Amino acid sequence: MSITSTFFGRTQSGRDVYLYTLENKNGMRVEVIEYGCAVKSIIVPDRTRGARDVVLGYATLEDYELATASVGAFVGRVANRIENAVFTVEGKTYHLAQNNGKNHLHGVLNKTVFHASVEDDRLALRYTSPDGEEGFPGTVEICVTYTLTDENALVMDYTATTDETTILNFTNHSYFNLEGAESGSIEEQTLMIRAKEFCEGNEETCPTGRILPVAGTPFDFTKEKPIGRDLFSDDPQLRMAHGYDHNFVLDKDYGELALVATAYSARTGIVMDTYTTQPGMQLYTANFLGNDTQPGKTGAMHANYQAFCLETQHYPCTPSHPEFPSIEVHPDEEYHETTIYKFSVR
């Protein structure tokens, strides 16, 4: 595998940002930028031995800075929502920015410049999040690594340490379309998720605390089915979110690296298997992507339902639900999670 770098642009604040290209012996390529650790492109072989870029992205650094969607980005300190933008750790209450209605969503790491270095066969991106950033406690040392294997697997490792007890929940927010980044709707592409339960959401898509069975509902992806089959059905959960924007409780042991989802395009033959150590995964069908302010990398504006996200993570709004797996991290611990997106052709 080779890793090369090129200058990508300079931020409005004057920071230089570089783009790194990872390429394996099969010709699969992954482009990553230091801004938000964003995955700009994933170029994989299709059934005809052509090449398809299967993730959305932007053409310029300015677009990444101005965009309102976290396309391709590493998000945190806490991915997904924190209800009412407030949480308590060790008896102390912390207030965050209400950037999603009255809730806090995803954080600012997607708009942060990381420092990248090539270490053996991996790309490592680091950032020190200072105590009090966004209102979170603790100085947190974050390392995001990307490794591209000769089995066409993109391995993403997230590690972090803190000098005081805090909460962390990282994920990657790539938008996938297995027929090509700008090819249109993903409704005919199929998906299997190894989850017999999902988190019921309220009108703001925050979990109510009820864990519901998927059986007999549009949320049953235990067998491969088209993403669009039930997308617009008259289900109150789907009407509330304008599509899928829900956390699936994965059928695996806590911390185990396991296969949790398989996506497939019959048109291109591309298969994407997702593996993770995380206990949950948010399926998001780009229900509001059409609101993005910036065009995609081919020049066209993004559209709703143009892509799907498989955001491996802990459950949303965990601070409001002590019964959920904890996201607290203590000074004597290391946060470590792994997610793999592996591509093949059927």
Protein backbone atom coordinates (compact mmCIF):
# COMPACT_ATOMS: atom_id res chain seq x y z
CA MET A 1 0.00 0.00 0.00
CA SER A 2 1.17 3.52 -0.75
CA ILE A 3 0.29 6.82 0.93
CA THR A 4 0.98 10.14 -0.80
CA SER A 5 0.08 13.72 0.07
CA THR A 6 -0.76 16.91 -1.83
CA PHE A 7 -1.66 20.42 -0.74
CA PHE A 8 -5.46 20.77 -0.64
CA GLY A 9 -6.04 24.34 0.49
CA ARG A 10 -5.77 26.95 3.20
CA THR A 11 -8.55 27.56 5.72
CA GLN A 12 -10.12 30.96 6.25
CA SER A 13 -8.05 31.19 9.44
CA GLY A 14 -4.82 30.52 7.53
CA ARG A 15 -4.21 26.82 8.30
CA ASP A 16 -2.71 24.70 5.51
CA VAL A 17 -4.62 21.49 4.83
CA TYR A 18 -3.24 18.45 3.02
CA LEU A 19 -4.98 15.62 1.19
CA TYR A 20 -3.65 12.08 1.60
CA THR A 21 -4.23 9.29 -0.91
CA LEU A 22 -4.10 5.67 0.23
CA GLU A 23 -3.84 3.10 -2.59
CA ASN A 24 -3.56 -0.68 -2.45
CA LYS A 25 -2.30 -3.24 -4.99
CA ASN A 26 -5.82 -3.65 -6.43
CA GLY A 27 -6.08 0.01 -7.40
CA MET A 28 -8.57 0.86 -4.65
CA ARG A 29 -7.98 4.43 -3.51
CA VAL A 30 -9.11 6.41 -0.47
CA GLU A 31 -8.65 10.17 -0.19
CA VAL A 32 -8.61 11.78 3.27
CA ILE A 33 -8.12 15.44 4.18
CA GLU A 34 -6.78 16.85 7.43
CA TYR A 35 -9.87 19.06 7.78
CA GLY A 36 -12.27 17.02 9.91
CA CYS A 37 -10.37 13.82 8.99
CA ALA A 38 -12.91 13.77 6.15
CA VAL A 39 -13.00 10.83 3.74
CA LYS A 40 -13.24 12.67 0.41
CA SER A 41 -13.30 9.68 -1.95
CA ILE A 42 -13.42 5.89 -1.84
CA ILE A 43 -12.75 4.53 -5.34
CA VAL A 44 -13.42 0.80 -5.71
CA PRO A 45 -13.71 -1.70 -8.59
CA ASP A 46 -17.17 -2.53 -9.92
CA ARG A 47 -18.48 -5.58 -11.76
CA THR A 48 -17.09 -4.38 -15.11
CA ARG A 49 -13.64 -3.75 -13.61
CA GLY A 50 -14.30 -0.06 -13.86
CA ALA A 51 -13.90 2.27 -10.91
CA ARG A 52 -16.63 3.91 -8.83
CA ASP A 53 -16.31 6.64 -6.22
CA VAL A 54 -18.82 5.41 -3.65
CA VAL A 55 -18.84 8.32 -1.15
CA LEU A 56 -20.05 11.89 -1.39
CA GLY A 57 -17.61 14.73 -0.91
CA TYR A 58 -16.71 18.27 -1.92
CA ALA A 59 -14.28 19.63 -4.49
CA THR A 60 -12.63 22.36 -2.44
CA LEU A 61 -11.61 23.12 1.13
CA GLU A 62 -13.88 26.17 1.04
CA ASP A 63 -16.83 23.87 0.35
CA TYR A 64 -15.90 21.73 3.38
CA GLU A 65 -15.72 24.84 5.55
CA LEU A 66 -19.05 26.27 4.38
CA ALA A 67 -21.07 23.04 4.06
CA THR A 68 -23.82 22.37 6.58
CA ALA A 69 -23.65 18.56 6.26
CA SER A 70 -20.88 16.51 7.90
CA VAL A 71 -20.07 14.75 4.63
CA GLY A 72 -17.31 12.19 5.12
CA ALA A 73 -16.20 13.70 8.42
CA PHE A 74 -15.03 12.33 11.74
CA VAL A 75 -17.54 13.68 14.27
CA GLY A 76 -17.48 14.28 18.02
CA ARG A 77 -16.65 14.79 20.84
CA VAL A 78 -20.06 13.12 21.00
CA ALA A 79 -21.59 11.88 17.78
CA ASN A 80 -25.35 12.10 17.31
CA ARG A 81 -27.54 13.97 19.80
CA ILE A 82 -27.26 15.01 23.42
CA GLU A 83 -30.78 15.75 24.59
CA ASN A 84 -31.37 19.36 25.67
CA ALA A 85 -27.60 19.94 25.14
CA VAL A 86 -26.90 19.13 28.79
CA PHE A 87 -25.26 16.26 30.67
CA THR A 88 -23.90 15.48 34.12
CA VAL A 89 -20.59 13.83 34.96
CA GLU A 90 -19.50 13.08 38.52
CA GLY A 91 -22.20 15.34 39.92
CA LYS A 92 -21.34 18.36 37.76
CA THR A 93 -23.67 19.60 35.02
CA TYR A 94 -22.32 20.82 31.68
CA HIS A 95 -24.18 22.89 29.08
CA LEU A 96 -23.41 22.66 25.38
CA ALA A 97 -24.39 24.58 22.25
CA GLN A 98 -27.97 23.90 21.12
CA ASN A 99 -27.11 23.38 17.45
CA ASN A 100 -29.96 21.02 16.52
CA GLY A 101 -33.16 22.51 17.84
CA LYS A 102 -32.76 22.38 21.60
CA ASN A 103 -30.28 19.51 21.35
CA HIS A 104 -26.56 19.21 20.69
CA LEU A 105 -25.54 17.32 17.53
CA HIS A 106 -22.15 15.86 16.54
CA GLY A 107 -19.84 18.58 17.90
CA VAL A 108 -17.12 20.56 16.09
CA LEU A 109 -14.42 18.02 15.23
CA ASN A 110 -15.80 17.86 11.68
CA LYS A 111 -14.72 21.52 11.34
CA THR A 112 -11.31 21.03 13.00
CA VAL A 113 -7.89 20.72 11.33
CA PHE A 114 -6.06 17.59 12.45
CA HIS A 115 -2.31 17.00 12.05
CA ALA A 116 -1.58 14.03 9.80
CA SER A 117 1.47 11.80 9.62
CA VAL A 118 2.26 8.57 7.81
CA GLU A 119 3.22 5.83 10.26
CA ASP A 120 4.24 2.55 8.62
CA ASP A 121 1.19 1.45 6.62
CA ARG A 122 -1.35 3.80 8.15
CA LEU A 123 -2.39 7.43 8.11
CA ALA A 124 -2.62 8.89 11.62
CA LEU A 125 -4.43 12.18 12.32
CA ARG A 126 -4.13 13.82 15.73
CA TYR A 127 -5.78 16.65 17.59
CA THR A 128 -5.73 17.89 21.18
CA SER A 129 -9.20 19.00 22.23
CA PRO A 130 -8.68 21.49 25.07
CA ASP A 131 -10.55 21.38 28.37
CA GLY A 132 -13.82 23.27 27.96
CA GLU A 133 -13.98 23.04 24.16
CA GLU A 134 -17.71 23.26 23.32
CA GLY A 135 -18.35 22.98 27.06
CA PHE A 136 -16.97 19.45 27.48
CA PRO A 137 -14.66 18.71 30.42
CA GLY A 138 -11.11 17.43 30.11
CA THR A 139 -8.21 17.85 27.72
CA VAL A 140 -8.60 14.99 25.26
CA GLU A 141 -5.81 13.62 23.06
CA ILE A 142 -7.44 12.17 19.93
CA CYS A 143 -5.89 9.93 17.27
CA VAL A 144 -7.77 8.78 14.17
CA THR A 145 -6.02 6.24 11.94
CA TYR A 146 -6.94 5.02 8.46
CA THR A 147 -5.45 1.82 7.03
CA LEU A 148 -6.23 0.42 3.57
CA THR A 149 -5.64 -3.32 3.25
CA ASP A 150 -5.05 -5.40 0.15
CA GLU A 151 -8.41 -7.04 0.89
CA ASN A 152 -10.08 -3.70 -0.03
CA ALA A 153 -10.90 -2.88 3.58
CA LEU A 154 -10.72 0.63 4.99
CA VAL A 155 -9.91 0.23 8.69
CA MET A 156 -10.70 3.20 10.94
CA ASP A 157 -9.33 3.20 14.48
CA TYR A 158 -10.25 5.87 17.03
CA THR A 159 -8.28 6.25 20.26
CA ALA A 160 -8.40 8.95 22.91
CA THR A 161 -7.25 9.71 26.44
CA THR A 162 -8.46 12.40 28.86
CA ASP A 163 -7.04 14.09 31.95
CA GLU A 164 -10.46 14.21 33.64
CA THR A 165 -13.67 12.24 33.39
CA THR A 166 -15.60 13.17 30.26
CA ILE A 167 -17.91 11.66 27.63
CA LEU A 168 -16.82 10.50 24.17
CA ASN A 169 -18.63 8.93 21.23
CA PHE A 170 -16.85 9.13 17.87
CA THR A 171 -18.04 8.06 14.43
CA ASN A 172 -17.38 8.57 10.75
CA HIS A 173 -20.14 10.32 8.81
CA SER A 174 -19.50 9.14 5.25
CA TYR A 175 -22.44 9.23 2.85
CA PHE A 176 -22.37 6.10 0.66
CA ASN A 177 -23.84 5.45 -2.77
CA LEU A 178 -22.62 2.18 -4.26
CA GLU A 179 -23.57 3.27 -7.78
CA GLY A 180 -21.38 6.35 -7.66
CA ALA A 181 -21.31 9.51 -5.61
CA GLU A 182 -23.58 11.50 -7.92
CA SER A 183 -25.68 8.70 -9.42
CA GLY A 184 -29.04 9.52 -7.82
CA SER A 185 -31.24 7.78 -5.27
CA ILE A 186 -30.09 4.82 -3.17
CA GLU A 187 -33.62 3.42 -2.84
CA GLU A 188 -32.91 0.31 -4.97
CA GLN A 189 -29.65 -0.55 -3.23
CA THR A 190 -30.07 -3.29 -0.65
CA LEU A 191 -29.07 -3.45 3.00
CA MET A 192 -28.83 -6.08 5.70
CA ILE A 193 -28.34 -5.09 9.34
CA ARG A 194 -27.65 -7.62 12.08
CA ALA A 195 -29.98 -6.05 14.63
CA LYS A 196 -33.20 -7.41 16.07
CA GLU A 197 -33.94 -4.16 17.94
CA PHE A 198 -33.79 -0.41 17.42
CA CYS A 199 -34.20 2.72 19.53
CA GLU A 200 -37.59 4.39 19.30
CA GLY A 201 -37.21 8.12 18.62
CA ASN A 202 -39.26 11.10 19.72
CA GLU A 203 -40.28 13.99 17.46
CA GLU A 204 -36.68 15.28 17.58
CA THR A 205 -35.28 11.79 16.81
CA CYS A 206 -33.87 11.51 20.34
CA PRO A 207 -34.38 8.02 21.82
CA THR A 208 -37.35 7.75 24.13
CA GLY A 209 -35.59 4.97 26.02
CA ARG A 210 -37.79 2.24 24.54
CA ILE A 211 -35.93 -0.50 22.68
CA LEU A 212 -38.33 -1.96 20.10
CA PRO A 213 -38.19 -5.19 18.07
CA VAL A 214 -37.67 -4.74 14.33
CA ALA A 215 -39.79 -7.81 13.50
CA GLY A 216 -42.92 -6.90 11.58
CA THR A 217 -41.83 -3.27 11.09
CA PRO A 218 -40.09 -1.28 8.32
CA PHE A 219 -36.98 -1.45 10.52
CA ASP A 220 -36.46 -5.14 9.85
CA PHE A 221 -33.25 -5.39 7.83
CA THR A 222 -32.30 -8.78 9.27
CA LYS A 223 -32.66 -10.08 5.69
CA GLU A 224 -31.32 -8.08 2.77
CA LYS A 225 -33.92 -5.75 1.27
CA PRO A 226 -34.01 -2.55 -0.84
CA ILE A 227 -33.44 0.52 1.31
CA GLY A 228 -36.41 2.21 -0.34
CA ARG A 229 -38.89 -0.65 0.10
CA ASP A 230 -40.39 0.80 3.28
CA LEU A 231 -38.73 4.21 3.26
CA PHE A 232 -41.92 6.14 2.59
CA SER A 233 -44.35 3.81 4.35
CA ASP A 234 -46.95 5.16 6.74
CA ASP A 235 -44.98 4.33 9.86
CA PRO A 236 -44.97 6.98 12.62
CA GLN A 237 -41.24 6.58 13.23
CA LEU A 238 -40.44 7.06 9.53
CA ARG A 239 -42.87 9.97 9.19
CA MET A 240 -41.28 11.64 12.21
CA ALA A 241 -37.74 11.44 10.77
CA HIS A 242 -38.73 11.73 7.06
CA GLY A 243 -36.96 8.41 6.55
CA TYR A 244 -34.50 6.34 8.54
CA ASP A 245 -32.53 8.22 11.20
CA HIS A 246 -32.47 5.62 13.95
CA ASN A 247 -30.01 3.71 16.08
CA PHE A 248 -29.97 -0.06 15.64
CA VAL A 249 -28.98 -2.20 18.63
CA LEU A 250 -26.44 -4.53 17.08
CA ASP A 251 -26.56 -8.30 17.61
CA LYS A 252 -23.06 -8.69 19.02
CA ASP A 253 -21.12 -8.74 22.24
CA TYR A 254 -20.02 -5.38 23.61
CA GLY A 255 -16.56 -4.52 22.26
CA GLU A 256 -16.48 -7.44 19.81
CA LEU A 257 -15.34 -6.63 16.26
CA ALA A 258 -18.05 -8.22 14.15
CA LEU A 259 -19.86 -7.98 10.82
CA VAL A 260 -22.94 -5.83 11.41
CA ALA A 261 -24.20 -4.76 7.97
CA THR A 262 -23.96 -5.55 4.26
CA ALA A 263 -24.97 -3.09 1.53
CA TYR A 264 -25.16 -4.02 -2.17
CA SER A 265 -25.89 -2.51 -5.57
CA ALA A 266 -27.21 -4.91 -8.19
CA ARG A 267 -26.39 -2.27 -10.81
CA THR A 268 -22.64 -2.16 -10.09
CA GLY A 269 -22.14 -5.42 -8.19
CA ILE A 270 -20.38 -3.54 -5.38
CA VAL A 271 -20.76 -4.99 -1.88
CA MET A 272 -19.86 -3.09 1.29
CA ASP A 273 -19.51 -5.05 4.53
CA THR A 274 -19.39 -3.05 7.76
CA TYR A 275 -17.60 -4.36 10.85
CA THR A 276 -17.40 -2.54 14.18
CA THR A 277 -16.64 -2.84 17.87
CA GLN A 278 -19.40 -0.31 18.64
CA PRO A 279 -22.72 -1.41 20.22
CA GLY A 280 -24.96 0.61 17.90
CA MET A 281 -25.28 1.92 14.36
CA GLN A 282 -27.33 4.85 13.10
CA LEU A 283 -28.90 4.26 9.69
CA TYR A 284 -29.46 7.66 8.07
CA THR A 285 -30.95 7.90 4.57
CA ALA A 286 -29.88 11.50 3.91
CA ASN A 287 -33.39 12.74 4.62
CA PHE A 288 -32.31 16.40 4.72
CA LEU A 289 -29.16 16.36 2.59
CA GLY A 290 -30.92 18.55 0.03
CA ASN A 291 -30.60 21.39 2.54
CA ASP A 292 -26.80 21.37 2.22
CA THR A 293 -25.45 24.76 1.16
CA GLN A 294 -22.54 23.53 -0.99
CA PRO A 295 -22.42 21.50 -4.22
CA GLY A 296 -20.88 18.04 -4.30
CA LYS A 297 -17.50 17.32 -5.85
CA THR A 298 -18.94 16.97 -9.37
CA GLY A 299 -20.61 20.39 -9.15
CA ALA A 300 -24.23 19.27 -8.56
CA MET A 301 -26.12 20.08 -5.39
CA HIS A 302 -26.77 17.15 -3.09
CA ALA A 303 -30.29 15.70 -2.85
CA ASN A 304 -32.33 13.91 -0.21
CA TYR A 305 -32.01 10.10 -0.31
CA GLN A 306 -28.92 10.35 -2.53
CA ALA A 307 -26.84 8.35 -0.05
CA PHE A 308 -27.00 6.34 3.15
CA CYS A 309 -24.89 6.60 6.30
CA LEU A 310 -23.97 3.70 8.58
CA GLU A 311 -22.75 5.59 11.64
CA THR A 312 -21.27 3.03 14.01
CA GLN A 313 -21.46 4.48 17.51
CA HIS A 314 -22.84 4.28 21.02
CA TYR A 315 -26.52 5.07 21.33
CA PRO A 316 -27.76 8.67 20.89
CA CYS A 317 -28.59 10.72 23.99
CA THR A 318 -26.80 8.24 26.24
CA PRO A 319 -26.40 10.80 29.08
CA SER A 320 -30.23 10.88 29.36
CA HIS A 321 -30.44 7.08 29.54
CA PRO A 322 -28.21 5.44 32.16
CA GLU A 323 -29.54 2.07 30.99
CA PHE A 324 -27.65 2.53 27.68
CA PRO A 325 -23.97 1.49 27.39
CA SER A 326 -21.93 4.23 29.06
CA ILE A 327 -19.87 6.77 27.09
CA GLU A 328 -17.97 8.04 30.13
CA VAL A 329 -14.18 7.88 29.82
CA HIS A 330 -11.92 8.24 32.88
CA PRO A 331 -8.31 9.46 33.11
CA ASP A 332 -6.99 5.93 33.69
CA GLU A 333 -8.73 4.56 30.58
CA GLU A 334 -8.13 4.63 26.83
CA TYR A 335 -11.09 5.08 24.52
CA HIS A 336 -10.66 2.72 21.55
CA GLU A 337 -13.15 1.78 18.85
CA THR A 338 -12.71 0.26 15.38
CA THR A 339 -14.89 0.32 12.28
CA ILE A 340 -14.12 -1.35 8.95
CA TYR A 341 -15.75 -0.80 5.56
CA LYS A 342 -14.77 -3.72 3.30
CA PHE A 343 -15.58 -3.74 -0.43
CA SER A 344 -15.98 -6.60 -2.88
CA VAL A 345 -17.91 -7.47 -6.04
CA ARG A 346 -20.83 -9.89 -6.23
